[in-house]
């Protein structure tokens, strides 16, 4: 799981080859903390099939707003610099995230 920030997001996510899953989380977000170990497990399970990254929106608010991240948690899939899919807030369950990954690998 690659930790990205406002300086590396463009290079590692928007300019990446293939699909990239991004876990947008915040320091004070309890649902994000609960979800994170599961997202890390999925990253290990699907390693080599999709790139996995995480962005702490607490440290990159402008970037998050620019990506239309208005609430947390958000798990989004990017391809070719565009967001192609996402699971937001209550829909960001392990089952839904894995189903979303399956669509793109």
PDB file of N, CA and C in Angstrom:
ATOM      1  N   UNK A   1       0.869  -1.177   0.000  1.00  0.00           N
ATOM      2  CA  UNK A   1       0.000   0.000   0.000  1.00  0.00           C
ATOM      3  C   UNK A   1       0.909   1.231   0.000  1.00  0.00           C
ATOM      4  N   UNK A   2       0.793   2.013  -1.034  1.00  0.00           N
ATOM      5  CA  UNK A   2       1.633   3.189  -1.197  1.00  0.00           C
ATOM      6  C   UNK A   2       0.963   4.400  -0.556  1.00  0.00           C
ATOM      7  N   UNK A   3       1.670   5.065   0.335  1.00  0.00           N
ATOM      8  CA  UNK A   3       1.153   6.285   0.961  1.00  0.00           C
ATOM      9  C   UNK A   3       1.504   7.456   0.043  1.00  0.00           C
ATOM     10  N   UNK A   4       0.484   8.148  -0.459  1.00  0.00           N
ATOM     11  CA  UNK A   4       0.727   9.294  -1.335  1.00  0.00           C
ATOM     12  C   UNK A   4       0.356  10.575  -0.599  1.00  0.00           C
ATOM     13  N   UNK A   5       0.864  11.695  -1.088  1.00  0.00           N
ATOM     14  CA  UNK A   5       0.517  12.997  -0.520  1.00  0.00           C
ATOM     15  C   UNK A   5       0.283  13.974  -1.666  1.00  0.00           C
ATOM     16  N   UNK A   6       0.098  15.247  -1.317  1.00  0.00           N
ATOM     17  CA  UNK A   6      -0.223  16.228  -2.359  1.00  0.00           C
ATOM     18  C   UNK A   6       0.905  16.364  -3.384  1.00  0.00           C
ATOM     19  N   UNK A   7       2.124  16.004  -3.005  1.00  0.00           N
ATOM     20  CA  UNK A   7       3.257  16.108  -3.924  1.00  0.00           C
ATOM     21  C   UNK A   7       3.402  14.897  -4.844  1.00  0.00           C
ATOM     22  N   UNK A   8       2.914  13.735  -4.400  1.00  0.00           N
ATOM     23  CA  UNK A   8       3.114  12.502  -5.182  1.00  0.00           C
ATOM     24  C   UNK A   8       1.834  11.967  -5.815  1.00  0.00           C
ATOM     25  N   UNK A   9       0.678  12.534  -5.445  1.00  0.00           N
ATOM     26  CA  UNK A   9      -0.611  12.023  -5.929  1.00  0.00           C
ATOM     27  C   UNK A   9      -0.693  12.012  -7.455  1.00  0.00           C
ATOM     28  N   UNK A  10      -0.314  13.122  -8.068  1.00  0.00           N
ATOM     29  CA  UNK A  10      -0.425  13.211  -9.527  1.00  0.00           C
ATOM     30  C   UNK A  10       0.422  12.141 -10.212  1.00  0.00           C
ATOM     31  N   UNK A  11       1.668  12.023  -9.792  1.00  0.00           N
ATOM     32  CA  UNK A  11       2.582  11.065 -10.414  1.00  0.00           C
ATOM     33  C   UNK A  11       2.148   9.619 -10.169  1.00  0.00           C
ATOM     34  N   UNK A  12       1.813   9.299  -8.908  1.00  0.00           N
ATOM     35  CA  UNK A  12       1.533   7.915  -8.523  1.00  0.00           C
ATOM     36  C   UNK A  12       0.117   7.446  -8.864  1.00  0.00           C
ATOM     37  N   UNK A  13      -0.835   8.380  -8.945  1.00  0.00           N
ATOM     38  CA  UNK A  13      -2.236   8.008  -9.191  1.00  0.00           C
ATOM     39  C   UNK A  13      -2.688   8.468 -10.572  1.00  0.00           C
ATOM     40  N   UNK A  14      -2.641   9.763 -10.812  1.00  0.00           N
ATOM     41  CA  UNK A  14      -3.206  10.302 -12.052  1.00  0.00           C
ATOM     42  C   UNK A  14      -2.400   9.911 -13.293  1.00  0.00           C
ATOM     43  N   UNK A  15      -1.086   9.765 -13.144  1.00  0.00           N
ATOM     44  CA  UNK A  15      -0.246   9.423 -14.295  1.00  0.00           C
ATOM     45  C   UNK A  15       0.123   7.941 -14.341  1.00  0.00           C
ATOM     46  N   UNK A  16      -0.436   7.162 -13.435  1.00  0.00           N
ATOM     47  CA  UNK A  16      -0.084   5.734 -13.347  1.00  0.00           C
ATOM     48  C   UNK A  16      -0.683   4.955 -14.517  1.00  0.00           C
ATOM     49  N   UNK A  17      -0.021   3.854 -14.854  1.00  0.00           N
ATOM     50  CA  UNK A  17      -0.544   2.932 -15.864  1.00  0.00           C
ATOM     51  C   UNK A  17      -1.597   2.050 -15.197  1.00  0.00           C
ATOM     52  N   UNK A  18      -2.674   1.780 -15.898  1.00  0.00           N
ATOM     53  CA  UNK A  18      -3.687   0.858 -15.373  1.00  0.00           C
ATOM     54  C   UNK A  18      -4.535   1.478 -14.275  1.00  0.00           C
ATOM     55  N   UNK A  19      -5.189   0.602 -13.536  1.00  0.00           N
ATOM     56  CA  UNK A  19      -6.109   1.042 -12.481  1.00  0.00           C
ATOM     57  C   UNK A  19      -5.384   1.257 -11.162  1.00  0.00           C
ATOM     58  N   UNK A  20      -5.808   2.300 -10.443  1.00  0.00           N
ATOM     59  CA  UNK A  20      -5.241   2.605  -9.125  1.00  0.00           C
ATOM     60  C   UNK A  20      -6.397   2.787  -8.149  1.00  0.00           C
ATOM     61  N   UNK A  21      -6.369   2.038  -7.041  1.00  0.00           N
ATOM     62  CA  UNK A  21      -7.354   2.220  -5.987  1.00  0.00           C
ATOM     63  C   UNK A  21      -6.752   3.163  -4.958  1.00  0.00           C
ATOM     64  N   UNK A  22      -7.515   4.185  -4.572  1.00  0.00           N
ATOM     65  CA  UNK A  22      -7.036   5.149  -3.571  1.00  0.00           C
ATOM     66  C   UNK A  22      -7.968   5.122  -2.371  1.00  0.00           C
ATOM     67  N   UNK A  23      -7.372   4.915  -1.198  1.00  0.00           N
ATOM     68  CA  UNK A  23      -8.095   4.972   0.067  1.00  0.00           C
ATOM     69  C   UNK A  23      -7.916   6.389   0.604  1.00  0.00           C
ATOM     70  N   UNK A  24      -8.978   7.203   0.510  1.00  0.00           N
ATOM     71  CA  UNK A  24      -8.951   8.554   1.080  1.00  0.00           C
ATOM     72  C   UNK A  24      -9.392   8.436   2.536  1.00  0.00           C
ATOM     73  N   UNK A  25      -8.544   8.886   3.460  1.00  0.00           N
ATOM     74  CA  UNK A  25      -8.880   8.790   4.877  1.00  0.00           C
ATOM     75  C   UNK A  25      -8.452  10.068   5.590  1.00  0.00           C
ATOM     76  N   UNK A  26      -8.955  10.234   6.802  1.00  0.00           N
ATOM     77  CA  UNK A  26      -8.595  11.402   7.601  1.00  0.00           C
ATOM     78  C   UNK A  26      -8.194  10.985   8.994  1.00  0.00           C
ATOM     79  N   UNK A  27      -7.415  11.842   9.660  1.00  0.00           N
ATOM     80  CA  UNK A  27      -6.911  11.526  11.001  1.00  0.00           C
ATOM     81  C   UNK A  27      -8.027  11.245  12.011  1.00  0.00           C
ATOM     82  N   UNK A  28      -9.107  12.010  11.955  1.00  0.00           N
ATOM     83  CA  UNK A  28     -10.168  11.857  12.954  1.00  0.00           C
ATOM     84  C   UNK A  28     -11.327  10.990  12.495  1.00  0.00           C
ATOM     85  N   UNK A  29     -11.146  10.258  11.415  1.00  0.00           N
ATOM     86  CA  UNK A  29     -12.238   9.474  10.832  1.00  0.00           C
ATOM     87  C   UNK A  29     -12.222   8.047  11.376  1.00  0.00           C
ATOM     88  N   UNK A  30     -13.122   7.748  12.307  1.00  0.00           N
ATOM     89  CA  UNK A  30     -13.173   6.407  12.906  1.00  0.00           C
ATOM     90  C   UNK A  30     -13.544   5.315  11.885  1.00  0.00           C
ATOM     91  N   UNK A  31     -14.550   5.550  11.011  1.00  0.00           N
ATOM     92  CA  UNK A  31     -14.847   4.522   9.996  1.00  0.00           C
ATOM     93  C   UNK A  31     -13.644   4.240   9.088  1.00  0.00           C
ATOM     94  N   UNK A  32     -12.837   5.288   8.819  1.00  0.00           N
ATOM     95  CA  UNK A  32     -11.626   5.097   8.003  1.00  0.00           C
ATOM     96  C   UNK A  32     -10.654   4.160   8.707  1.00  0.00           C
ATOM     97  N   UNK A  33     -10.474   4.385  10.022  1.00  0.00           N
ATOM     98  CA  UNK A  33      -9.545   3.558  10.803  1.00  0.00           C
ATOM     99  C   UNK A  33     -10.017   2.115  10.852  1.00  0.00           C
ATOM    100  N   UNK A  34     -11.332   1.909  10.959  1.00  0.00           N
ATOM    101  CA  UNK A  34     -11.882   0.555  11.009  1.00  0.00           C
ATOM    102  C   UNK A  34     -11.706  -0.159   9.667  1.00  0.00           C
ATOM    103  N   UNK A  35     -11.808   0.590   8.592  1.00  0.00           N
ATOM    104  CA  UNK A  35     -11.742   0.026   7.244  1.00  0.00           C
ATOM    105  C   UNK A  35     -10.308  -0.252   6.794  1.00  0.00           C
ATOM    106  N   UNK A  36      -9.372   0.544   7.276  1.00  0.00           N
ATOM    107  CA  UNK A  36      -8.002   0.493   6.759  1.00  0.00           C
ATOM    108  C   UNK A  36      -7.346  -0.893   6.772  1.00  0.00           C
ATOM    109  N   UNK A  37      -7.425  -1.671   7.869  1.00  0.00           N
ATOM    110  CA  UNK A  37      -6.768  -2.991   7.819  1.00  0.00           C
ATOM    111  C   UNK A  37      -7.349  -3.886   6.723  1.00  0.00           C
ATOM    112  N   UNK A  38      -8.639  -3.768   6.468  1.00  0.00           N
ATOM    113  CA  UNK A  38      -9.286  -4.570   5.424  1.00  0.00           C
ATOM    114  C   UNK A  38      -8.809  -4.141   4.035  1.00  0.00           C
ATOM    115  N   UNK A  39      -8.648  -2.834   3.845  1.00  0.00           N
ATOM    116  CA  UNK A  39      -8.159  -2.331   2.555  1.00  0.00           C
ATOM    117  C   UNK A  39      -6.718  -2.806   2.340  1.00  0.00           C
ATOM    118  N   UNK A  40      -5.931  -2.820   3.399  1.00  0.00           N
ATOM    119  CA  UNK A  40      -4.549  -3.319   3.300  1.00  0.00           C
ATOM    120  C   UNK A  40      -4.539  -4.806   2.934  1.00  0.00           C
ATOM    121  N   UNK A  41      -5.486  -5.581   3.506  1.00  0.00           N
ATOM    122  CA  UNK A  41      -5.592  -7.004   3.159  1.00  0.00           C
ATOM    123  C   UNK A  41      -5.944  -7.169   1.680  1.00  0.00           C
ATOM    124  N   UNK A  42      -6.867  -6.353   1.190  1.00  0.00           N
ATOM    125  CA  UNK A  42      -7.245  -6.413  -0.226  1.00  0.00           C
ATOM    126  C   UNK A  42      -6.057  -6.038  -1.103  1.00  0.00           C
ATOM    127  N   UNK A  43      -5.262  -5.061  -0.653  1.00  0.00           N
ATOM    128  CA  UNK A  43      -4.076  -4.648  -1.407  1.00  0.00           C
ATOM    129  C   UNK A  43      -3.106  -5.826  -1.551  1.00  0.00           C
ATOM    130  N   UNK A  44      -2.956  -6.593  -0.471  1.00  0.00           N
ATOM    131  CA  UNK A  44      -2.076  -7.772  -0.533  1.00  0.00           C
ATOM    132  C   UNK A  44      -2.677  -8.850  -1.422  1.00  0.00           C
ATOM    133  N   UNK A  45      -3.984  -9.059  -1.288  1.00  0.00           N
ATOM    134  CA  UNK A  45      -4.675 -10.101  -2.062  1.00  0.00           C
ATOM    135  C   UNK A  45      -4.591  -9.837  -3.566  1.00  0.00           C
ATOM    136  N   UNK A  46      -4.721  -8.567  -3.960  1.00  0.00           N
ATOM    137  CA  UNK A  46      -4.755  -8.214  -5.388  1.00  0.00           C
ATOM    138  C   UNK A  46      -3.462  -7.563  -5.867  1.00  0.00           C
ATOM    139  N   UNK A  47      -2.390  -7.740  -5.106  1.00  0.00           N
ATOM    140  CA  UNK A  47      -1.099  -7.163  -5.482  1.00  0.00           C
ATOM    141  C   UNK A  47      -0.695  -7.646  -6.873  1.00  0.00           C
ATOM    142  N   UNK A  48      -0.228  -6.711  -7.697  1.00  0.00           N
ATOM    143  CA  UNK A  48       0.184  -7.062  -9.050  1.00  0.00           C
ATOM    144  C   UNK A  48      -0.940  -6.954 -10.062  1.00  0.00           C
ATOM    145  N   UNK A  49      -2.194  -6.872  -9.588  1.00  0.00           N
ATOM    146  CA  UNK A  49      -3.334  -6.756 -10.497  1.00  0.00           C
ATOM    147  C   UNK A  49      -3.854  -5.322 -10.557  1.00  0.00           C
ATOM    148  N   UNK A  50      -3.591  -4.582  -9.493  1.00  0.00           N
ATOM    149  CA  UNK A  50      -4.054  -3.204  -9.383  1.00  0.00           C
ATOM    150  C   UNK A  50      -3.130  -2.495  -8.410  1.00  0.00           C
ATOM    151  N   UNK A  51      -2.885  -1.225  -8.638  1.00  0.00           N
ATOM    152  CA  UNK A  51      -2.050  -0.436  -7.721  1.00  0.00           C
ATOM    153  C   UNK A  51      -2.926   0.071  -6.576  1.00  0.00           C
ATOM    154  N   UNK A  52      -2.395   0.057  -5.372  1.00  0.00           N
ATOM    155  CA  UNK A  52      -3.134   0.514  -4.199  1.00  0.00           C
ATOM    156  C   UNK A  52      -2.393   1.672  -3.549  1.00  0.00           C
ATOM    157  N   UNK A  53      -3.128   2.755  -3.255  1.00  0.00           N
ATOM    158  CA  UNK A  53      -2.532   3.925  -2.622  1.00  0.00           C
ATOM    159  C   UNK A  53      -3.474   4.455  -1.545  1.00  0.00           C
ATOM    160  N   UNK A  54      -2.921   5.210  -0.615  1.00  0.00           N
ATOM    161  CA  UNK A  54      -3.715   5.834   0.444  1.00  0.00           C
ATOM    162  C   UNK A  54      -3.319   7.299   0.551  1.00  0.00           C
ATOM    163  N   UNK A  55      -4.317   8.150   0.768  1.00  0.00           N
ATOM    164  CA  UNK A  55      -4.062   9.588   0.913  1.00  0.00           C
ATOM    165  C   UNK A  55      -4.743  10.097   2.181  1.00  0.00           C
ATOM    166  N   UNK A  56      -3.945  10.704   3.054  1.00  0.00           N
ATOM    167  CA  UNK A  56      -4.477  11.325   4.259  1.00  0.00           C
ATOM    168  C   UNK A  56      -5.004  12.708   3.883  1.00  0.00           C
ATOM    169  N   UNK A  57      -6.328  12.848   3.845  1.00  0.00           N
ATOM    170  CA  UNK A  57      -6.935  14.113   3.408  1.00  0.00           C
ATOM    171  C   UNK A  57      -6.756  15.231   4.438  1.00  0.00           C
ATOM    172  N   UNK A  58      -6.435  14.868   5.677  1.00  0.00           N
ATOM    173  CA  UNK A  58      -6.183  15.883   6.700  1.00  0.00           C
ATOM    174  C   UNK A  58      -4.981  16.737   6.302  1.00  0.00           C
ATOM    175  N   UNK A  59      -4.012  16.108   5.636  1.00  0.00           N
ATOM    176  CA  UNK A  59      -2.799  16.806   5.225  1.00  0.00           C
ATOM    177  C   UNK A  59      -2.880  17.300   3.775  1.00  0.00           C
ATOM    178  N   UNK A  60      -3.989  17.004   3.089  1.00  0.00           N
ATOM    179  CA  UNK A  60      -4.106  17.387   1.674  1.00  0.00           C
ATOM    180  C   UNK A  60      -5.545  17.791   1.349  1.00  0.00           C
ATOM    181  N   UNK A  61      -6.049  18.744   2.103  1.00  0.00           N
ATOM    182  CA  UNK A  61      -7.458  19.150   1.946  1.00  0.00           C
ATOM    183  C   UNK A  61      -7.784  19.672   0.538  1.00  0.00           C
ATOM    184  N   UNK A  62      -6.949  20.543   0.007  1.00  0.00           N
ATOM    185  CA  UNK A  62      -7.219  21.112  -1.321  1.00  0.00           C
ATOM    186  C   UNK A  62      -7.254  20.030  -2.380  1.00  0.00           C
ATOM    187  N   UNK A  63      -6.317  19.096  -2.285  1.00  0.00           N
ATOM    188  CA  UNK A  63      -6.277  17.984  -3.230  1.00  0.00           C
ATOM    189  C   UNK A  63      -7.552  17.157  -3.120  1.00  0.00           C
ATOM    190  N   UNK A  64      -7.974  16.854  -1.898  1.00  0.00           N
ATOM    191  CA  UNK A  64      -9.197  16.069  -1.689  1.00  0.00           C
ATOM    192  C   UNK A  64     -10.410  16.786  -2.288  1.00  0.00           C
ATOM    193  N   UNK A  65     -10.529  18.071  -2.034  1.00  0.00           N
ATOM    194  CA  UNK A  65     -11.652  18.844  -2.584  1.00  0.00           C
ATOM    195  C   UNK A  65     -11.581  18.850  -4.107  1.00  0.00           C
ATOM    196  N   UNK A  66     -10.379  18.992  -4.647  1.00  0.00           N
ATOM    197  CA  UNK A  66     -10.190  18.949  -6.098  1.00  0.00           C
ATOM    198  C   UNK A  66     -10.609  17.622  -6.707  1.00  0.00           C
ATOM    199  N   UNK A  67     -10.516  16.552  -5.920  1.00  0.00           N
ATOM    200  CA  UNK A  67     -10.932  15.227  -6.378  1.00  0.00           C
ATOM    201  C   UNK A  67     -12.387  14.944  -5.996  1.00  0.00           C
ATOM    202  N   UNK A  68     -13.090  15.972  -5.533  1.00  0.00           N
ATOM    203  CA  UNK A  68     -14.500  15.883  -5.138  1.00  0.00           C
ATOM    204  C   UNK A  68     -14.728  14.885  -3.998  1.00  0.00           C
ATOM    205  N   UNK A  69     -13.793  14.872  -3.055  1.00  0.00           N
ATOM    206  CA  UNK A  69     -13.924  14.048  -1.857  1.00  0.00           C
ATOM    207  C   UNK A  69     -14.537  14.948  -0.785  1.00  0.00           C
ATOM    208  N   UNK A  70     -15.838  14.776  -0.552  1.00  0.00           N
ATOM    209  CA  UNK A  70     -16.544  15.685   0.356  1.00  0.00           C
ATOM    210  C   UNK A  70     -16.866  15.042   1.704  1.00  0.00           C
ATOM    211  N   UNK A  71     -16.747  13.736   1.800  1.00  0.00           N
ATOM    212  CA  UNK A  71     -16.984  13.031   3.056  1.00  0.00           C
ATOM    213  C   UNK A  71     -16.077  11.819   3.091  1.00  0.00           C
ATOM    214  N   UNK A  72     -15.909  11.233   4.248  1.00  0.00           N
ATOM    215  CA  UNK A  72     -15.028  10.074   4.380  1.00  0.00           C
ATOM    216  C   UNK A  72     -15.769   8.928   5.062  1.00  0.00           C
ATOM    217  N   UNK A  73     -15.343   7.708   4.870  1.00  0.00           N
ATOM    218  CA  UNK A  73     -14.258   7.285   3.988  1.00  0.00           C
ATOM    219  C   UNK A  73     -14.687   7.247   2.525  1.00  0.00           C
ATOM    220  N   UNK A  74     -13.706   7.366   1.638  1.00  0.00           N
ATOM    221  CA  UNK A  74     -13.926   7.193   0.199  1.00  0.00           C
ATOM    222  C   UNK A  74     -12.840   6.264  -0.327  1.00  0.00           C
ATOM    223  N   UNK A  75     -13.268   5.230  -1.021  1.00  0.00           N
ATOM    224  CA  UNK A  75     -12.348   4.344  -1.719  1.00  0.00           C
ATOM    225  C   UNK A  75     -12.665   4.545  -3.200  1.00  0.00           C
ATOM    226  N   UNK A  76     -11.692   5.048  -3.960  1.00  0.00           N
ATOM    227  CA  UNK A  76     -11.936   5.390  -5.362  1.00  0.00           C
ATOM    228  C   UNK A  76     -10.986   4.630  -6.272  1.00  0.00           C
ATOM    229  N   UNK A  77     -11.459   4.373  -7.499  1.00  0.00           N
ATOM    230  CA  UNK A  77     -10.622   3.742  -8.516  1.00  0.00           C
ATOM    231  C   UNK A  77     -10.378   4.764  -9.620  1.00  0.00           C
ATOM    232  N   UNK A  78      -9.100   4.904  -9.995  1.00  0.00           N
ATOM    233  CA  UNK A  78      -8.698   5.829 -11.046  1.00  0.00           C
ATOM    234  C   UNK A  78      -8.108   5.068 -12.213  1.00  0.00           C
ATOM    235  N   UNK A  79      -8.291   5.630 -13.417  1.00  0.00           N
ATOM    236  CA  UNK A  79      -7.607   5.117 -14.600  1.00  0.00           C
ATOM    237  C   UNK A  79      -7.404   6.288 -15.545  1.00  0.00           C
ATOM    238  N   UNK A  80      -6.196   6.416 -16.062  1.00  0.00           N
ATOM    239  CA  UNK A  80      -5.912   7.481 -17.020  1.00  0.00           C
ATOM    240  C   UNK A  80      -6.151   8.874 -16.484  1.00  0.00           C
ATOM    241  N   UNK A  81      -5.918   9.066 -15.183  1.00  0.00           N
ATOM    242  CA  UNK A  81      -6.066  10.393 -14.588  1.00  0.00           C
ATOM    243  C   UNK A  81      -7.480  10.757 -14.190  1.00  0.00           C
ATOM    244  N   UNK A  82      -8.426   9.837 -14.397  1.00  0.00           N
ATOM    245  CA  UNK A  82      -9.836  10.118 -14.075  1.00  0.00           C
ATOM    246  C   UNK A  82     -10.350   9.139 -13.024  1.00  0.00           C
ATOM    247  N   UNK A  83     -11.228   9.620 -12.157  1.00  0.00           N
ATOM    248  CA  UNK A  83     -11.893   8.738 -11.207  1.00  0.00           C
ATOM    249  C   UNK A  83     -12.974   7.989 -11.975  1.00  0.00           C
ATOM    250  N   UNK A  84     -12.937   6.669 -11.953  1.00  0.00           N
ATOM    251  CA  UNK A  84     -13.901   5.877 -12.720  1.00  0.00           C
ATOM    252  C   UNK A  84     -14.955   5.214 -11.831  1.00  0.00           C
ATOM    253  N   UNK A  85     -14.679   5.122 -10.521  1.00  0.00           N
ATOM    254  CA  UNK A  85     -15.636   4.478  -9.620  1.00  0.00           C
ATOM    255  C   UNK A  85     -15.262   4.838  -8.190  1.00  0.00           C
ATOM    256  N   UNK A  86     -16.230   4.717  -7.274  1.00  0.00           N
ATOM    257  CA  UNK A  86     -15.922   4.971  -5.875  1.00  0.00           C
ATOM    258  C   UNK A  86     -16.968   4.364  -4.963  1.00  0.00           C
ATOM    259  N   UNK A  87     -16.550   4.051  -3.752  1.00  0.00           N
ATOM    260  CA  UNK A  87     -17.440   3.666  -2.657  1.00  0.00           C
ATOM    261  C   UNK A  87     -17.297   4.758  -1.617  1.00  0.00           C
ATOM    262  N   UNK A  88     -18.434   5.343  -1.205  1.00  0.00           N
ATOM    263  CA  UNK A  88     -18.408   6.505  -0.320  1.00  0.00           C
ATOM    264  C   UNK A  88     -19.168   6.214   0.969  1.00  0.00           C
ATOM    265  N   UNK A  89     -18.623   6.699   2.079  1.00  0.00           N
ATOM    266  CA  UNK A  89     -19.242   6.649   3.409  1.00  0.00           C
ATOM    267  C   UNK A  89     -19.819   5.278   3.724  1.00  0.00           C
ATOM    268  N   UNK A  90     -21.151   5.161   3.884  1.00  0.00           N
ATOM    269  CA  UNK A  90     -21.770   3.897   4.295  1.00  0.00           C
ATOM    270  C   UNK A  90     -21.612   2.792   3.262  1.00  0.00           C
ATOM    271  N   UNK A  91     -21.412   3.165   1.986  1.00  0.00           N
ATOM    272  CA  UNK A  91     -21.218   2.158   0.937  1.00  0.00           C
ATOM    273  C   UNK A  91     -19.793   1.610   0.927  1.00  0.00           C
ATOM    274  N   UNK A  92     -18.899   2.222   1.682  1.00  0.00           N
ATOM    275  CA  UNK A  92     -17.495   1.783   1.714  1.00  0.00           C
ATOM    276  C   UNK A  92     -17.352   0.605   2.675  1.00  0.00           C
ATOM    277  N   UNK A  93     -17.916  -0.531   2.268  1.00  0.00           N
ATOM    278  CA  UNK A  93     -17.788  -1.770   3.038  1.00  0.00           C
ATOM    279  C   UNK A  93     -16.774  -2.663   2.342  1.00  0.00           C
ATOM    280  N   UNK A  94     -16.233  -3.616   3.070  1.00  0.00           N
ATOM    281  CA  UNK A  94     -15.243  -4.523   2.494  1.00  0.00           C
ATOM    282  C   UNK A  94     -15.842  -5.256   1.292  1.00  0.00           C
ATOM    283  N   UNK A  95     -17.084  -5.699   1.417  1.00  0.00           N
ATOM    284  CA  UNK A  95     -17.760  -6.413   0.328  1.00  0.00           C
ATOM    285  C   UNK A  95     -17.880  -5.543  -0.919  1.00  0.00           C
ATOM    286  N   UNK A  96     -18.324  -4.295  -0.734  1.00  0.00           N
ATOM    287  CA  UNK A  96     -18.491  -3.388  -1.877  1.00  0.00           C
ATOM    288  C   UNK A  96     -17.149  -3.013  -2.503  1.00  0.00           C
ATOM    289  N   UNK A  97     -16.138  -2.819  -1.657  1.00  0.00           N
ATOM    290  CA  UNK A  97     -14.814  -2.459  -2.174  1.00  0.00           C
ATOM    291  C   UNK A  97     -14.241  -3.611  -2.992  1.00  0.00           C
ATOM    292  N   UNK A  98     -14.382  -4.838  -2.475  1.00  0.00           N
ATOM    293  CA  UNK A  98     -13.847  -5.983  -3.208  1.00  0.00           C
ATOM    294  C   UNK A  98     -14.607  -6.180  -4.521  1.00  0.00           C
ATOM    295  N   UNK A  99     -15.899  -5.971  -4.514  1.00  0.00           N
ATOM    296  CA  UNK A  99     -16.696  -6.077  -5.752  1.00  0.00           C
ATOM    297  C   UNK A  99     -16.231  -5.037  -6.769  1.00  0.00           C
ATOM    298  N   UNK A 100     -15.923  -3.837  -6.301  1.00  0.00           N
ATOM    299  CA  UNK A 100     -15.440  -2.777  -7.185  1.00  0.00           C
ATOM    300  C   UNK A 100     -14.077  -3.169  -7.774  1.00  0.00           C
ATOM    301  N   UNK A 101     -13.194  -3.716  -6.952  1.00  0.00           N
ATOM    302  CA  UNK A 101     -11.885  -4.160  -7.438  1.00  0.00           C
ATOM    303  C   UNK A 101     -12.068  -5.219  -8.518  1.00  0.00           C
ATOM    304  N   UNK A 102     -12.962  -6.174  -8.259  1.00  0.00           N
ATOM    305  CA  UNK A 102     -13.197  -7.284  -9.209  1.00  0.00           C
ATOM    306  C   UNK A 102     -13.610  -6.777 -10.589  1.00  0.00           C
ATOM    307  N   UNK A 103     -14.337  -5.653 -10.626  1.00  0.00           N
ATOM    308  CA  UNK A 103     -14.799  -5.103 -11.903  1.00  0.00           C
ATOM    309  C   UNK A 103     -13.637  -4.653 -12.799  1.00  0.00           C
ATOM    310  N   UNK A 104     -12.514  -4.285 -12.183  1.00  0.00           N
ATOM    311  CA  UNK A 104     -11.440  -3.647 -12.930  1.00  0.00           C
ATOM    312  C   UNK A 104     -10.164  -4.476 -13.076  1.00  0.00           C
ATOM    313  N   UNK A 105     -10.183  -5.707 -12.555  1.00  0.00           N
ATOM    314  CA  UNK A 105      -8.960  -6.519 -12.714  1.00  0.00           C
ATOM    315  C   UNK A 105      -9.171  -7.634 -13.723  1.00  0.00           C
TER     316      UNK A 105
END
